[in-house]
PDB file of N, CA and C in Angstrom:
ATOM      1  N   GLY A   1     -26.705  -5.773   5.901  1.00  0.00           N
ATOM      2  CA  GLY A   1     -25.778  -5.743   7.043  1.00  0.00           C
ATOM      3  C   GLY A   1     -24.337  -5.835   6.583  1.00  0.00           C
ATOM      4  N   SER A   2     -23.983  -6.941   5.947  1.00  0.00           N
ATOM      5  CA  SER A   2     -22.586  -7.137   5.527  1.00  0.00           C
ATOM      6  C   SER A   2     -22.210  -6.157   4.425  1.00  0.00           C
ATOM      7  N   LEU A   3     -23.188  -5.783   3.590  1.00  0.00           N
ATOM      8  CA  LEU A   3     -22.895  -4.842   2.508  1.00  0.00           C
ATOM      9  C   LEU A   3     -22.469  -3.499   3.078  1.00  0.00           C
ATOM     10  N   MET A   4     -23.141  -3.055   4.134  1.00  0.00           N
ATOM     11  CA  MET A   4     -22.787  -1.787   4.769  1.00  0.00           C
ATOM     12  C   MET A   4     -21.390  -1.855   5.350  1.00  0.00           C
ATOM     13  N   ASN A   5     -21.026  -3.015   5.908  1.00  0.00           N
ATOM     14  CA  ASN A   5     -19.677  -3.180   6.468  1.00  0.00           C
ATOM     15  C   ASN A   5     -18.626  -3.070   5.371  1.00  0.00           C
ATOM     16  N   ILE A   6     -18.915  -3.678   4.224  1.00  0.00           N
ATOM     17  CA  ILE A   6     -17.974  -3.628   3.101  1.00  0.00           C
ATOM     18  C   ILE A   6     -17.820  -2.191   2.614  1.00  0.00           C
ATOM     19  N   ILE A   7     -18.946  -1.483   2.483  1.00  0.00           N
ATOM     20  CA  ILE A   7     -18.896  -0.087   2.027  1.00  0.00           C
ATOM     21  C   ILE A   7     -18.114   0.751   3.017  1.00  0.00           C
ATOM     22  N   ALA A   8     -18.335   0.528   4.310  1.00  0.00           N
ATOM     23  CA  ALA A   8     -17.631   1.294   5.342  1.00  0.00           C
ATOM     24  C   ALA A   8     -16.131   1.055   5.246  1.00  0.00           C
ATOM     25  N   LYS A   9     -15.737  -0.191   4.985  1.00  0.00           N
ATOM     26  CA  LYS A   9     -14.308  -0.508   4.865  1.00  0.00           C
ATOM     27  C   LYS A   9     -13.714   0.168   3.640  1.00  0.00           C
ATOM     28  N   ILE A  10     -14.454   0.172   2.542  1.00  0.00           N
ATOM     29  CA  ILE A  10     -13.964   0.810   1.316  1.00  0.00           C
ATOM     30  C   ILE A  10     -13.792   2.303   1.538  1.00  0.00           C
ATOM     31  N   VAL A  11     -14.778   2.939   2.169  1.00  0.00           N
ATOM     32  CA  VAL A  11     -14.706   4.382   2.428  1.00  0.00           C
ATOM     33  C   VAL A  11     -13.522   4.692   3.332  1.00  0.00           C
ATOM     34  N   ALA A  12     -13.336   3.888   4.375  1.00  0.00           N
ATOM     35  CA  ALA A  12     -12.228   4.113   5.303  1.00  0.00           C
ATOM     36  C   ALA A  12     -10.896   3.955   4.581  1.00  0.00           C
ATOM     37  N   THR A  13     -10.804   2.973   3.697  1.00  0.00           N
ATOM     38  CA  THR A  13      -9.565   2.749   2.954  1.00  0.00           C
ATOM     39  C   THR A  13      -9.279   3.913   2.013  1.00  0.00           C
ATOM     40  N   LEU A  14     -10.320   4.394   1.324  1.00  0.00           N
ATOM     41  CA  LEU A  14     -10.127   5.515   0.400  1.00  0.00           C
ATOM     42  C   LEU A  14      -9.686   6.758   1.147  1.00  0.00           C
ATOM     43  N   LYS A  15     -10.277   7.008   2.321  1.00  0.00           N
ATOM     44  CA  LYS A  15      -9.891   8.176   3.119  1.00  0.00           C
ATOM     45  C   LYS A  15      -8.447   8.044   3.576  1.00  0.00           C
ATOM     46  N   TYR A  16      -8.050   6.813   3.957  1.00  0.00           N
ATOM     47  CA  TYR A  16      -6.676   6.580   4.399  1.00  0.00           C
ATOM     48  C   TYR A  16      -5.695   6.844   3.254  1.00  0.00           C
ATOM     49  N   ILE A  17      -6.009   6.324   2.077  1.00  0.00           N
ATOM     50  CA  ILE A  17      -5.138   6.524   0.908  1.00  0.00           C
ATOM     51  C   ILE A  17      -5.056   8.006   0.567  1.00  0.00           C
ATOM     52  N   GLU A  18      -6.195   8.700   0.635  1.00  0.00           N
ATOM     53  CA  GLU A  18      -6.219  10.128   0.321  1.00  0.00           C
ATOM     54  C   GLU A  18      -5.337  10.896   1.288  1.00  0.00           C
ATOM     55  N   GLN A  19      -5.388  10.501   2.566  1.00  0.00           N
ATOM     56  CA  GLN A  19      -4.578  11.168   3.581  1.00  0.00           C
ATOM     57  C   GLN A  19      -3.095  10.918   3.335  1.00  0.00           C
ATOM     58  N   VAL A  20      -2.748   9.682   2.982  1.00  0.00           N
ATOM     59  CA  VAL A  20      -1.350   9.339   2.717  1.00  0.00           C
ATOM     60  C   VAL A  20      -0.840  10.115   1.505  1.00  0.00           C
ATOM     61  N   ASN A  21      -1.652  10.153   0.444  1.00  0.00           N
ATOM     62  CA  ASN A  21      -1.248  10.876  -0.764  1.00  0.00           C
ATOM     63  C   ASN A  21      -1.059  12.352  -0.465  1.00  0.00           C
ATOM     64  N   TRP A  22      -1.910  12.921   0.392  1.00  0.00           N
ATOM     65  CA  TRP A  22      -1.799  14.335   0.746  1.00  0.00           C
ATOM     66  C   TRP A  22      -0.504  14.582   1.503  1.00  0.00           C
ATOM     67  N   CYS A  23      -0.188  13.689   2.427  1.00  0.00           N
ATOM     68  CA  CYS A  23       1.053  13.827   3.203  1.00  0.00           C
ATOM     69  C   CYS A  23       2.264  13.709   2.276  1.00  0.00           C
ATOM     70  N   VAL A  24       2.218  12.787   1.329  1.00  0.00           N
ATOM     71  CA  VAL A  24       3.337  12.589   0.404  1.00  0.00           C
ATOM     72  C   VAL A  24       3.519  13.826  -0.465  1.00  0.00           C
ATOM     73  N   SER A  25       2.416  14.359  -0.977  1.00  0.00           N
ATOM     74  CA  SER A  25       2.515  15.537  -1.843  1.00  0.00           C
ATOM     75  C   SER A  25       3.014  16.738  -1.050  1.00  0.00           C
ATOM     76  N   LYS A  26       2.637  16.833   0.209  1.00  0.00           N
ATOM     77  CA  LYS A  26       3.112  17.919   1.057  1.00  0.00           C
ATOM     78  C   LYS A  26       4.605  17.761   1.320  1.00  0.00           C
ATOM     79  N   GLY A  27       5.044  16.518   1.475  1.00  0.00           N
ATOM     80  CA  GLY A  27       6.447  16.271   1.788  1.00  0.00           C
ATOM     81  C   GLY A  27       7.372  16.553   0.613  1.00  0.00           C
ATOM     82  N   THR A  28       6.853  16.414  -0.614  1.00  0.00           N
ATOM     83  CA  THR A  28       7.704  16.597  -1.784  1.00  0.00           C
ATOM     84  C   THR A  28       7.873  18.067  -2.122  1.00  0.00           C
ATOM     85  N   GLN A  29       7.035  18.927  -1.579  1.00  0.00           N
ATOM     86  CA  GLN A  29       7.115  20.351  -1.902  1.00  0.00           C
ATOM     87  C   GLN A  29       8.053  21.081  -0.968  1.00  0.00           C
TER      88      GLN A  29
END
């Protein structure tokens, strides 16, 4: 139960970081 919650939080965080990095790279071009 709690392990799935932790994994879900990690996945959500990685997706958020990936989205931010994509926006930053788009902004610099």
